C-alpha cells in the first residue's frame, strides 16, 4: 500500500508489460486447472458480501493481492463456462485466440462508432462482414458495396 497516493500514477510501458505478464499467467493457470473447479458454483446467495469489506479500499493495492482475491473469493462463485464439462447455454466457450484478440482490442481501446473516430475499425468491420457474407454465399446486396 502506498498511503501517500503515489500508487495512483499511471503505469509506464515496462510496468504494463510486467503486470500484463502476471495477468496472462493467472489466466493461463486458470485454464490449465479449470477442470478442478465444479462447473456450477457451490456458494450460497450472499457469500461474497461476507468475504469483502463493507467499504471500498482507501489506498491502492497490488495486482497480486487482487488476483489472490479473485482466486479465493471470486472464482468459487463463478459458473465456469470455459470448463470442458460445461454443456449449458450458448455461446458457451470462447477461444484463447479470441481472448488474445479481445486483449488487443481493449489495449488499443478504439471507439469505432463512425469512420471519423476510427477509419481502420470502420473499414475492417466492412471488410470482415463482406468476407462472412461471401463465405455464406449471400447475395451481392448483403455486401458493403451492394
C-alpha atoms as a PDB file:
ATOM      1  CA  UNK A   1       0.000   0.000   0.000  1.00  0.00           C
ATOM      2  CA  UNK A   2       1.188   3.436  -0.822  1.00  0.00           C
ATOM      3  CA  UNK A   3      -0.611   5.684   1.612  1.00  0.00           C
ATOM      4  CA  UNK A   4       0.916   8.822   0.121  1.00  0.00           C
ATOM      5  CA  UNK A   5      -1.185   8.307  -3.024  1.00  0.00           C
ATOM      6  CA  UNK A   6       1.823   7.745  -5.272  1.00  0.00           C
ATOM      7  CA  UNK A   7       0.294   4.436  -6.325  1.00  0.00           C
ATOM      8  CA  UNK A   8      -2.277   6.342  -8.353  1.00  0.00           C
ATOM      9  CA  UNK A   9       0.226   7.239 -11.064  1.00  0.00           C
ATOM     10  CA  UNK A  10      -0.465   5.549 -14.402  1.00  0.00           C
ATOM     11  CA  UNK A  11       1.779   2.652 -15.347  1.00  0.00           C
ATOM     12  CA  UNK A  12       4.615   3.200 -17.745  1.00  0.00           C
ATOM     13  CA  UNK A  13       5.252   0.745 -20.589  1.00  0.00           C
ATOM     14  CA  UNK A  14       7.547  -1.505 -18.539  1.00  0.00           C
ATOM     15  CA  UNK A  15       5.123  -1.667 -15.613  1.00  0.00           C
ATOM     16  CA  UNK A  16       2.341  -2.533 -18.067  1.00  0.00           C
ATOM     17  CA  UNK A  17       4.476  -5.330 -19.503  1.00  0.00           C
ATOM     18  CA  UNK A  18       5.221  -6.718 -16.019  1.00  0.00           C
ATOM     19  CA  UNK A  19       1.614  -6.541 -14.803  1.00  0.00           C
ATOM     20  CA  UNK A  20       0.220  -7.910 -18.081  1.00  0.00           C
ATOM     21  CA  UNK A  21       2.537 -10.929 -17.820  1.00  0.00           C
ATOM     22  CA  UNK A  22       1.203 -11.597 -14.329  1.00  0.00           C
ATOM     23  CA  UNK A  23      -2.378 -11.329 -15.585  1.00  0.00           C
ATOM     24  CA  UNK A  24      -1.758 -13.634 -18.548  1.00  0.00           C
ATOM     25  CA  UNK A  25      -0.043 -16.131 -16.225  1.00  0.00           C
ATOM     26  CA  UNK A  26      -3.069 -16.032 -13.921  1.00  0.00           C
ATOM     27  CA  UNK A  27      -5.477 -16.634 -16.800  1.00  0.00           C
ATOM     28  CA  UNK A  28      -3.296 -19.392 -18.295  1.00  0.00           C
ATOM     29  CA  UNK A  29      -3.165 -21.118 -14.901  1.00  0.00           C
ATOM     30  CA  UNK A  30      -6.955 -20.787 -14.632  1.00  0.00           C
ATOM     31  CA  UNK A  31      -7.401 -22.527 -17.982  1.00  0.00           C
ATOM     32  CA  UNK A  32      -4.840 -25.166 -17.020  1.00  0.00           C
ATOM     33  CA  UNK A  33      -6.705 -26.014 -13.795  1.00  0.00           C
ATOM     34  CA  UNK A  34     -10.291 -25.267 -14.817  1.00  0.00           C
ATOM     35  CA  UNK A  35     -11.324 -28.915 -14.530  1.00  0.00           C
ATOM     36  CA  UNK A  36     -10.523 -28.748 -10.797  1.00  0.00           C
ATOM     37  CA  UNK A  37     -13.472 -26.393 -10.262  1.00  0.00           C
ATOM     38  CA  UNK A  38     -17.045 -27.597 -10.049  1.00  0.00           C
ATOM     39  CA  UNK A  39     -18.749 -26.332 -13.204  1.00  0.00           C
ATOM     40  CA  UNK A  40     -21.634 -24.863 -11.231  1.00  0.00           C
ATOM     41  CA  UNK A  41     -20.725 -22.688  -8.278  1.00  0.00           C
ATOM     42  CA  UNK A  42     -21.354 -24.235  -4.871  1.00  0.00           C
ATOM     43  CA  UNK A  43     -21.725 -20.950  -2.954  1.00  0.00           C
ATOM     44  CA  UNK A  44     -24.823 -19.691  -1.157  1.00  0.00           C
ATOM     45  CA  UNK A  45     -26.510 -16.372  -2.023  1.00  0.00           C
ATOM     46  CA  UNK A  46     -24.773 -13.508  -0.229  1.00  0.00           C
ATOM     47  CA  UNK A  47     -21.469 -15.374   0.148  1.00  0.00           C
ATOM     48  CA  UNK A  48     -19.372 -12.582  -1.356  1.00  0.00           C
ATOM     49  CA  UNK A  49     -20.655  -9.872   0.973  1.00  0.00           C
ATOM     50  CA  UNK A  50     -19.250 -11.898   3.865  1.00  0.00           C
ATOM     51  CA  UNK A  51     -15.808 -12.023   2.244  1.00  0.00           C
ATOM     52  CA  UNK A  52     -15.384  -8.415   1.128  1.00  0.00           C
ATOM     53  CA  UNK A  53     -15.118  -5.286   3.288  1.00  0.00           C
ATOM     54  CA  UNK A  54     -18.105  -3.009   3.816  1.00  0.00           C
ATOM     55  CA  UNK A  55     -16.383  -0.073   2.083  1.00  0.00           C
ATOM     56  CA  UNK A  56     -14.100   0.375  -0.884  1.00  0.00           C
ATOM     57  CA  UNK A  57     -10.351   0.332  -0.223  1.00  0.00           C
ATOM     58  CA  UNK A  58      -8.847   3.672   0.719  1.00  0.00           C
ATOM     59  CA  UNK A  59      -5.462   3.031  -0.900  1.00  0.00           C
ATOM     60  CA  UNK A  60      -4.260   1.162  -3.987  1.00  0.00           C
ATOM     61  CA  UNK A  61      -3.216  -2.447  -3.629  1.00  0.00           C
ATOM     62  CA  UNK A  62      -1.027  -4.760  -5.666  1.00  0.00           C
ATOM     63  CA  UNK A  63      -2.152  -6.851  -8.592  1.00  0.00           C
ATOM     64  CA  UNK A  64      -1.027  -9.918  -6.633  1.00  0.00           C
ATOM     65  CA  UNK A  65      -3.468  -9.018  -3.858  1.00  0.00           C
ATOM     66  CA  UNK A  66      -6.289  -8.530  -6.370  1.00  0.00           C
ATOM     67  CA  UNK A  67      -5.540 -11.831  -8.110  1.00  0.00           C
ATOM     68  CA  UNK A  68      -5.402 -13.597  -4.753  1.00  0.00           C
ATOM     69  CA  UNK A  69      -8.885 -12.255  -4.002  1.00  0.00           C
ATOM     70  CA  UNK A  70     -10.085 -13.358  -7.431  1.00  0.00           C
ATOM     71  CA  UNK A  71      -8.640 -16.840  -6.865  1.00  0.00           C
ATOM     72  CA  UNK A  72     -10.059 -17.346  -3.385  1.00  0.00           C
ATOM     73  CA  UNK A  73     -13.174 -15.170  -3.300  1.00  0.00           C
ATOM     74  CA  UNK A  74     -14.443 -14.695  -6.847  1.00  0.00           C
ATOM     75  CA  UNK A  75     -13.662 -17.960  -8.663  1.00  0.00           C
ATOM     76  CA  UNK A  76     -15.570 -20.088  -6.125  1.00  0.00           C
ATOM     77  CA  UNK A  77     -18.678 -18.065  -7.029  1.00  0.00           C
ATOM     78  CA  UNK A  78     -18.293 -18.397 -10.791  1.00  0.00           C
ATOM     79  CA  UNK A  79     -20.036 -20.806 -13.125  1.00  0.00           C
ATOM     80  CA  UNK A  80     -17.056 -21.962 -15.168  1.00  0.00           C
ATOM     81  CA  UNK A  81     -18.328 -21.585 -18.715  1.00  0.00           C
ATOM     82  CA  UNK A  82     -14.920 -22.448 -20.169  1.00  0.00           C
ATOM     83  CA  UNK A  83     -14.804 -25.842 -18.469  1.00  0.00           C
ATOM     84  CA  UNK A  84     -14.784 -28.795 -20.862  1.00  0.00           C
ATOM     85  CA  UNK A  85     -17.532 -30.186 -18.609  1.00  0.00           C
ATOM     86  CA  UNK A  86     -19.873 -27.231 -19.217  1.00  0.00           C
ATOM     87  CA  UNK A  87     -22.765 -28.044 -21.561  1.00  0.00           C
ATOM     88  CA  UNK A  88     -25.411 -25.355 -20.953  1.00  0.00           C
ATOM     89  CA  UNK A  89     -26.406 -22.207 -22.807  1.00  0.00           C
ATOM     90  CA  UNK A  90     -24.610 -20.684 -25.734  1.00  0.00           C
ATOM     91  CA  UNK A  91     -22.228 -19.284 -26.768  1.00  0.00           C
ATOM     92  CA  UNK A  92     -20.648 -21.285 -24.040  1.00  0.00           C
ATOM     93  CA  UNK A  93     -16.967 -21.334 -24.805  1.00  0.00           C
ATOM     94  CA  UNK A  94     -14.521 -18.763 -26.029  1.00  0.00           C
ATOM     95  CA  UNK A  95     -11.151 -19.481 -27.513  1.00  0.00           C
ATOM     96  CA  UNK A  96      -7.698 -18.461 -26.440  1.00  0.00           C
ATOM     97  CA  UNK A  97      -7.298 -16.761 -29.833  1.00  0.00           C
ATOM     98  CA  UNK A  98     -10.484 -14.810 -29.076  1.00  0.00           C
ATOM     99  CA  UNK A  99      -9.122 -13.825 -25.672  1.00  0.00           C
ATOM    100  CA  UNK A 100      -5.939 -12.529 -27.276  1.00  0.00           C
ATOM    101  CA  UNK A 101      -7.975 -10.573 -29.817  1.00  0.00           C
ATOM    102  CA  UNK A 102     -10.036  -9.043 -27.010  1.00  0.00           C
ATOM    103  CA  UNK A 103      -6.822  -8.123 -25.202  1.00  0.00           C
ATOM    104  CA  UNK A 104      -5.547  -6.333 -28.317  1.00  0.00           C
ATOM    105  CA  UNK A 105      -8.877  -4.577 -28.790  1.00  0.00           C
ATOM    106  CA  UNK A 106      -9.005  -3.452 -25.150  1.00  0.00           C
ATOM    107  CA  UNK A 107      -5.382  -2.301 -25.299  1.00  0.00           C
ATOM    108  CA  UNK A 108      -5.931  -0.107 -28.342  1.00  0.00           C
ATOM    109  CA  UNK A 109      -9.346   0.924 -26.958  1.00  0.00           C
ATOM    110  CA  UNK A 110     -10.913   2.156 -30.173  1.00  0.00           C
ATOM    111  CA  UNK A 111     -14.338   3.744 -30.137  1.00  0.00           C
ATOM    112  CA  UNK A 112     -15.402   2.853 -33.650  1.00  0.00           C
ATOM    113  CA  UNK A 113     -18.904   4.245 -33.929  1.00  0.00           C
ATOM    114  CA  UNK A 114     -18.140   6.155 -37.136  1.00  0.00           C
ATOM    115  CA  UNK A 115     -15.457   6.391 -39.781  1.00  0.00           C
ATOM    116  CA  UNK A 116     -14.060   9.671 -38.412  1.00  0.00           C
ATOM    117  CA  UNK A 117     -13.473   8.171 -34.941  1.00  0.00           C
ATOM    118  CA  UNK A 118     -11.503   5.267 -36.373  1.00  0.00           C
ATOM    119  CA  UNK A 119     -11.189   4.739 -40.123  1.00  0.00           C
ATOM    120  CA  UNK A 120      -9.365   1.420 -39.679  1.00  0.00           C
ATOM    121  CA  UNK A 121     -12.025  -0.035 -37.354  1.00  0.00           C
ATOM    122  CA  UNK A 122     -14.889   1.003 -39.635  1.00  0.00           C
ATOM    123  CA  UNK A 123     -13.234  -0.281 -42.791  1.00  0.00           C
ATOM    124  CA  UNK A 124     -12.053  -3.515 -41.169  1.00  0.00           C
ATOM    125  CA  UNK A 125     -15.596  -4.191 -39.961  1.00  0.00           C
ATOM    126  CA  UNK A 126     -16.954  -3.776 -43.505  1.00  0.00           C
ATOM    127  CA  UNK A 127     -14.243  -5.978 -44.998  1.00  0.00           C
ATOM    128  CA  UNK A 128     -14.729  -8.793 -42.474  1.00  0.00           C
ATOM    129  CA  UNK A 129     -18.523  -8.664 -42.852  1.00  0.00           C
ATOM    130  CA  UNK A 130     -18.068  -8.894 -46.629  1.00  0.00           C
ATOM    131  CA  UNK A 131     -15.828 -11.940 -46.136  1.00  0.00           C
ATOM    132  CA  UNK A 132     -18.506 -13.530 -43.981  1.00  0.00           C
ATOM    133  CA  UNK A 133     -21.263 -12.747 -46.495  1.00  0.00           C
ATOM    134  CA  UNK A 134     -19.185 -14.289 -49.299  1.00  0.00           C
ATOM    135  CA  UNK A 135     -18.395 -17.375 -47.197  1.00  0.00           C
ATOM    136  CA  UNK A 136     -22.145 -17.829 -46.656  1.00  0.00           C
ATOM    137  CA  UNK A 137     -22.859 -17.286 -50.382  1.00  0.00           C
ATOM    138  CA  UNK A 138     -25.174 -14.381 -49.599  1.00  0.00           C
ATOM    139  CA  UNK A 139     -26.441 -12.206 -52.466  1.00  0.00           C
ATOM    140  CA  UNK A 140     -24.446  -9.146 -53.569  1.00  0.00           C
ATOM    141  CA  UNK A 141     -26.987  -6.938 -51.752  1.00  0.00           C
ATOM    142  CA  UNK A 142     -25.506  -8.096 -48.444  1.00  0.00           C
ATOM    143  CA  UNK A 143     -22.044  -6.770 -49.276  1.00  0.00           C
ATOM    144  CA  UNK A 144     -20.971  -3.294 -48.202  1.00  0.00           C
ATOM    145  CA  UNK A 145     -20.894  -2.133 -51.823  1.00  0.00           C
ATOM    146  CA  UNK A 146     -24.172  -3.914 -52.695  1.00  0.00           C
END
